[in-house]
Amino acid sequence: MGMIYNTGMQNSDNKNVVKRFNVEVIEKGSEPAFRELMSDDFVNRTAPPGAPNGPASMWNMFQNVLRPAFPDLTVEIHEQLEDGDRVVTRKTIRGTHEGAFFGIAPTHKKVEIQVIDIVRVKDGKYAEHWGVNTLGATLAELRQ
């Protein structure tokens, strides 16, 4: 008889938390889902030094920066890997540049931002986030 591991369900739940966040919060802009999935003591470890790094700054980025600039924004998850309470997601955020974005007037160009992020999930909520993305390259492309 094989060993029984207790982590399978938890890991699956953690991946689902991250999937839900990407679809319901980033793509659809659901504030109730954001409140349900975001820990009050969440820390965005990728925020620039001295910049806000709590839940409100994440909501602001999605709702007041990304969504107005790319009203047709979609998130495609290519793969998710997990290690303990951390979920790594490789994804593409796509949209059409229809609103001002970091001071760049709408260009109506279709853009893709490649993202790899790590989320620490605690009690079914986002506790910490680290990430790398191609936002800089996207901004350079829009400025051309």
C-alpha atoms as a PDB file:
ATOM      1  CA  MET A   1       0.000   0.000   0.000  1.00  0.00           C
ATOM      2  CA  GLY A   2       1.350   3.476  -0.945  1.00  0.00           C
ATOM      3  CA  MET A   3       1.788   6.394   1.378  1.00  0.00           C
ATOM      4  CA  ILE A   4      -1.055   8.839   1.811  1.00  0.00           C
ATOM      5  CA  TYR A   5      -0.096  12.484   1.521  1.00  0.00           C
ATOM      6  CA  ASN A   6      -2.234  15.170   3.105  1.00  0.00           C
ATOM      7  CA  THR A   7      -0.981  18.012   0.902  1.00  0.00           C
ATOM      8  CA  GLY A   8      -2.725  17.141  -2.359  1.00  0.00           C
ATOM      9  CA  MET A   9      -5.996  18.858  -1.560  1.00  0.00           C
ATOM     10  CA  GLN A  10      -4.334  21.915  -0.026  1.00  0.00           C
ATOM     11  CA  ASN A  11      -2.088  22.348  -3.061  1.00  0.00           C
ATOM     12  CA  SER A  12      -5.037  22.054  -5.420  1.00  0.00           C
ATOM     13  CA  ASP A  13      -6.907  24.600  -3.297  1.00  0.00           C
ATOM     14  CA  ASN A  14      -3.935  26.987  -3.432  1.00  0.00           C
ATOM     15  CA  LYS A  15      -3.757  26.754  -7.226  1.00  0.00           C
ATOM     16  CA  ASN A  16      -7.495  27.418  -7.394  1.00  0.00           C
ATOM     17  CA  VAL A  17      -7.109  30.518  -5.190  1.00  0.00           C
ATOM     18  CA  VAL A  18      -4.532  31.885  -7.647  1.00  0.00           C
ATOM     19  CA  LYS A  19      -6.651  30.949 -10.686  1.00  0.00           C
ATOM     20  CA  ARG A  20      -9.704  32.635  -9.162  1.00  0.00           C
ATOM     21  CA  PHE A  21      -7.689  35.766  -8.369  1.00  0.00           C
ATOM     22  CA  ASN A  22      -6.420  35.988 -11.958  1.00  0.00           C
ATOM     23  CA  VAL A  23      -9.855  35.503 -13.527  1.00  0.00           C
ATOM     24  CA  GLU A  24     -12.206  37.188 -11.064  1.00  0.00           C
ATOM     25  CA  VAL A  25      -9.993  40.028  -9.808  1.00  0.00           C
ATOM     26  CA  ILE A  26      -7.462  40.868 -12.546  1.00  0.00           C
ATOM     27  CA  GLU A  27      -9.589  40.005 -15.580  1.00  0.00           C
ATOM     28  CA  LYS A  28     -13.119  40.802 -14.354  1.00  0.00           C
ATOM     29  CA  GLY A  29     -12.399  43.441 -11.692  1.00  0.00           C
ATOM     30  CA  SER A  30     -14.526  41.851  -8.948  1.00  0.00           C
ATOM     31  CA  GLU A  31     -14.074  43.736  -5.677  1.00  0.00           C
ATOM     32  CA  PRO A  32     -15.937  41.083  -3.620  1.00  0.00           C
ATOM     33  CA  ALA A  33     -13.551  38.412  -4.971  1.00  0.00           C
ATOM     34  CA  PHE A  34     -10.578  40.682  -4.185  1.00  0.00           C
ATOM     35  CA  ARG A  35     -11.752  41.115  -0.585  1.00  0.00           C
ATOM     36  CA  GLU A  36     -12.334  37.355  -0.242  1.00  0.00           C
ATOM     37  CA  LEU A  37      -8.970  36.322  -1.698  1.00  0.00           C
ATOM     38  CA  MET A  38      -6.649  39.031  -0.312  1.00  0.00           C
ATOM     39  CA  SER A  39      -5.257  38.823   3.210  1.00  0.00           C
ATOM     40  CA  ASP A  40      -5.417  42.040   5.253  1.00  0.00           C
ATOM     41  CA  ASP A  41      -1.677  41.735   5.966  1.00  0.00           C
ATOM     42  CA  PHE A  42      -0.729  40.933   2.339  1.00  0.00           C
ATOM     43  CA  VAL A  43       2.691  42.196   1.201  1.00  0.00           C
ATOM     44  CA  ASN A  44       3.687  42.741  -2.427  1.00  0.00           C
ATOM     45  CA  ARG A  45       7.427  42.008  -2.338  1.00  0.00           C
ATOM     46  CA  THR A  46       7.812  43.346  -5.900  1.00  0.00           C
ATOM     47  CA  ALA A  47       6.655  46.889  -5.103  1.00  0.00           C
ATOM     48  CA  PRO A  48       9.396  49.486  -5.670  1.00  0.00           C
ATOM     49  CA  PRO A  49      11.274  50.584  -2.525  1.00  0.00           C
ATOM     50  CA  GLY A  50       9.222  53.137  -0.621  1.00  0.00           C
ATOM     51  CA  ALA A  51       6.067  52.469  -2.655  1.00  0.00           C
ATOM     52  CA  PRO A  52       2.857  51.137  -1.053  1.00  0.00           C
ATOM     53  CA  ASN A  53       2.948  47.317  -0.951  1.00  0.00           C
ATOM     54  CA  GLY A  54      -0.300  46.308   0.758  1.00  0.00           C
ATOM     55  CA  PRO A  55      -3.681  45.144  -0.531  1.00  0.00           C
ATOM     56  CA  ALA A  56      -4.906  48.644  -1.482  1.00  0.00           C
ATOM     57  CA  SER A  57      -1.941  49.208  -3.802  1.00  0.00           C
ATOM     58  CA  MET A  58      -2.657  45.931  -5.625  1.00  0.00           C
ATOM     59  CA  TRP A  59      -6.336  46.835  -6.069  1.00  0.00           C
ATOM     60  CA  ASN A  60      -5.310  50.303  -7.288  1.00  0.00           C
ATOM     61  CA  MET A  61      -2.945  48.797  -9.889  1.00  0.00           C
ATOM     62  CA  PHE A  62      -5.601  46.498 -11.316  1.00  0.00           C
ATOM     63  CA  GLN A  63      -8.639  48.764 -11.047  1.00  0.00           C
ATOM     64  CA  ASN A  64      -7.210  52.244 -11.672  1.00  0.00           C
ATOM     65  CA  VAL A  65      -4.185  51.562 -13.889  1.00  0.00           C
ATOM     66  CA  LEU A  66      -4.518  48.311 -15.880  1.00  0.00           C
ATOM     67  CA  ARG A  67      -8.283  48.024 -16.411  1.00  0.00           C
ATOM     68  CA  PRO A  68      -8.907  51.619 -17.613  1.00  0.00           C
ATOM     69  CA  ALA A  69      -5.922  51.364 -20.004  1.00  0.00           C
ATOM     70  CA  PHE A  70      -6.940  47.917 -21.289  1.00  0.00           C
ATOM     71  CA  PRO A  71     -10.726  47.556 -20.938  1.00  0.00           C
ATOM     72  CA  ASP A  72     -10.682  44.216 -22.836  1.00  0.00           C
ATOM     73  CA  LEU A  73      -7.932  42.793 -20.582  1.00  0.00           C
ATOM     74  CA  THR A  74      -7.642  39.004 -20.417  1.00  0.00           C
ATOM     75  CA  VAL A  75      -5.334  36.709 -18.442  1.00  0.00           C
ATOM     76  CA  GLU A  76      -4.172  33.403 -19.905  1.00  0.00           C
ATOM     77  CA  ILE A  77      -2.534  31.032 -17.447  1.00  0.00           C
ATOM     78  CA  HIS A  78       0.004  28.824 -19.224  1.00  0.00           C
ATOM     79  CA  GLU A  79       1.120  26.790 -16.220  1.00  0.00           C
ATOM     80  CA  GLN A  80       1.160  26.681 -12.457  1.00  0.00           C
ATOM     81  CA  LEU A  81       3.715  24.976 -10.248  1.00  0.00           C
ATOM     82  CA  GLU A  82       3.590  24.723  -6.495  1.00  0.00           C
ATOM     83  CA  ASP A  83       5.927  24.122  -3.639  1.00  0.00           C
ATOM     84  CA  GLY A  84       4.358  24.014  -0.197  1.00  0.00           C
ATOM     85  CA  ASP A  85       2.297  27.165   0.295  1.00  0.00           C
ATOM     86  CA  ARG A  86       3.711  28.896  -2.817  1.00  0.00           C
ATOM     87  CA  VAL A  87       2.148  28.836  -6.280  1.00  0.00           C
ATOM     88  CA  VAL A  88       4.197  29.880  -9.320  1.00  0.00           C
ATOM     89  CA  THR A  89       2.146  31.024 -12.307  1.00  0.00           C
ATOM     90  CA  ARG A  90       3.361  31.769 -15.839  1.00  0.00           C
ATOM     91  CA  LYS A  91       0.757  33.848 -17.638  1.00  0.00           C
ATOM     92  CA  THR A  92       0.087  36.381 -20.371  1.00  0.00           C
ATOM     93  CA  ILE A  93      -1.995  39.508 -19.816  1.00  0.00           C
ATOM     94  CA  ARG A  94      -3.446  40.808 -23.094  1.00  0.00           C
ATOM     95  CA  GLY A  95      -5.413  43.888 -23.960  1.00  0.00           C
ATOM     96  CA  THR A  96      -5.959  46.760 -26.350  1.00  0.00           C
ATOM     97  CA  HIS A  97      -4.484  50.100 -25.256  1.00  0.00           C
ATOM     98  CA  GLU A  98      -7.664  52.215 -25.133  1.00  0.00           C
ATOM     99  CA  GLY A  99      -6.922  54.433 -22.093  1.00  0.00           C
ATOM    100  CA  ALA A 100      -3.990  56.413 -20.712  1.00  0.00           C
ATOM    101  CA  PHE A 101      -1.293  54.114 -19.332  1.00  0.00           C
ATOM    102  CA  PHE A 102       1.582  55.548 -17.267  1.00  0.00           C
ATOM    103  CA  GLY A 103       1.123  58.842 -19.117  1.00  0.00           C
ATOM    104  CA  ILE A 104       0.953  57.281 -22.592  1.00  0.00           C
ATOM    105  CA  ALA A 105      -2.136  58.335 -24.561  1.00  0.00           C
ATOM    106  CA  PRO A 106      -4.201  55.495 -26.098  1.00  0.00           C
ATOM    107  CA  THR A 107      -2.498  53.928 -29.129  1.00  0.00           C
ATOM    108  CA  HIS A 108      -5.197  51.285 -29.818  1.00  0.00           C
ATOM    109  CA  LYS A 109      -2.363  48.727 -30.097  1.00  0.00           C
ATOM    110  CA  LYS A 110      -2.879  45.174 -28.875  1.00  0.00           C
ATOM    111  CA  VAL A 111      -0.325  44.346 -26.188  1.00  0.00           C
ATOM    112  CA  GLU A 112       0.887  41.280 -24.345  1.00  0.00           C
ATOM    113  CA  ILE A 113       2.587  41.381 -20.947  1.00  0.00           C
ATOM    114  CA  GLN A 114       4.376  38.175 -19.985  1.00  0.00           C
ATOM    115  CA  VAL A 115       4.323  37.487 -16.244  1.00  0.00           C
ATOM    116  CA  ILE A 116       5.816  34.934 -13.880  1.00  0.00           C
ATOM    117  CA  ASP A 117       4.742  35.363 -10.297  1.00  0.00           C
ATOM    118  CA  ILE A 118       4.947  33.564  -7.000  1.00  0.00           C
ATOM    119  CA  VAL A 119       2.115  33.856  -4.514  1.00  0.00           C
ATOM    120  CA  ARG A 120       2.243  32.581  -0.947  1.00  0.00           C
ATOM    121  CA  VAL A 121      -1.243  31.415  -0.025  1.00  0.00           C
ATOM    122  CA  LYS A 122      -2.290  31.326   3.632  1.00  0.00           C
ATOM    123  CA  ASP A 123      -5.763  30.263   4.757  1.00  0.00           C
ATOM    124  CA  GLY A 124      -7.066  30.512   1.191  1.00  0.00           C
ATOM    125  CA  LYS A 125      -5.842  34.091   0.687  1.00  0.00           C
ATOM    126  CA  TYR A 126      -2.959  35.938  -0.964  1.00  0.00           C
ATOM    127  CA  ALA A 127      -0.355  36.545   1.768  1.00  0.00           C
ATOM    128  CA  GLU A 128       2.723  37.524  -0.281  1.00  0.00           C
ATOM    129  CA  HIS A 129       3.559  38.162  -3.939  1.00  0.00           C
ATOM    130  CA  TRP A 130       6.801  38.261  -5.934  1.00  0.00           C
ATOM    131  CA  GLY A 131       6.863  38.711  -9.698  1.00  0.00           C
ATOM    132  CA  VAL A 132       8.691  39.569 -12.888  1.00  0.00           C
ATOM    133  CA  ASN A 133       7.029  40.830 -16.048  1.00  0.00           C
ATOM    134  CA  THR A 134       7.644  42.448 -19.419  1.00  0.00           C
ATOM    135  CA  LEU A 135       5.781  45.667 -18.558  1.00  0.00           C
ATOM    136  CA  GLY A 136       8.907  47.768 -19.318  1.00  0.00           C
ATOM    137  CA  ALA A 137       9.104  46.353 -22.843  1.00  0.00           C
ATOM    138  CA  THR A 138       5.374  46.952 -23.304  1.00  0.00           C
ATOM    139  CA  LEU A 139       5.735  50.606 -22.247  1.00  0.00           C
ATOM    140  CA  ALA A 140       8.663  51.060 -24.673  1.00  0.00           C
ATOM    141  CA  GLU A 141       6.581  49.564 -27.489  1.00  0.00           C
ATOM    142  CA  LEU A 142       3.638  51.878 -26.771  1.00  0.00           C
ATOM    143  CA  ARG A 143       5.913  54.943 -26.786  1.00  0.00           C
ATOM    144  CA  GLN A 144       7.136  54.239 -30.335  1.00  0.00           C
END
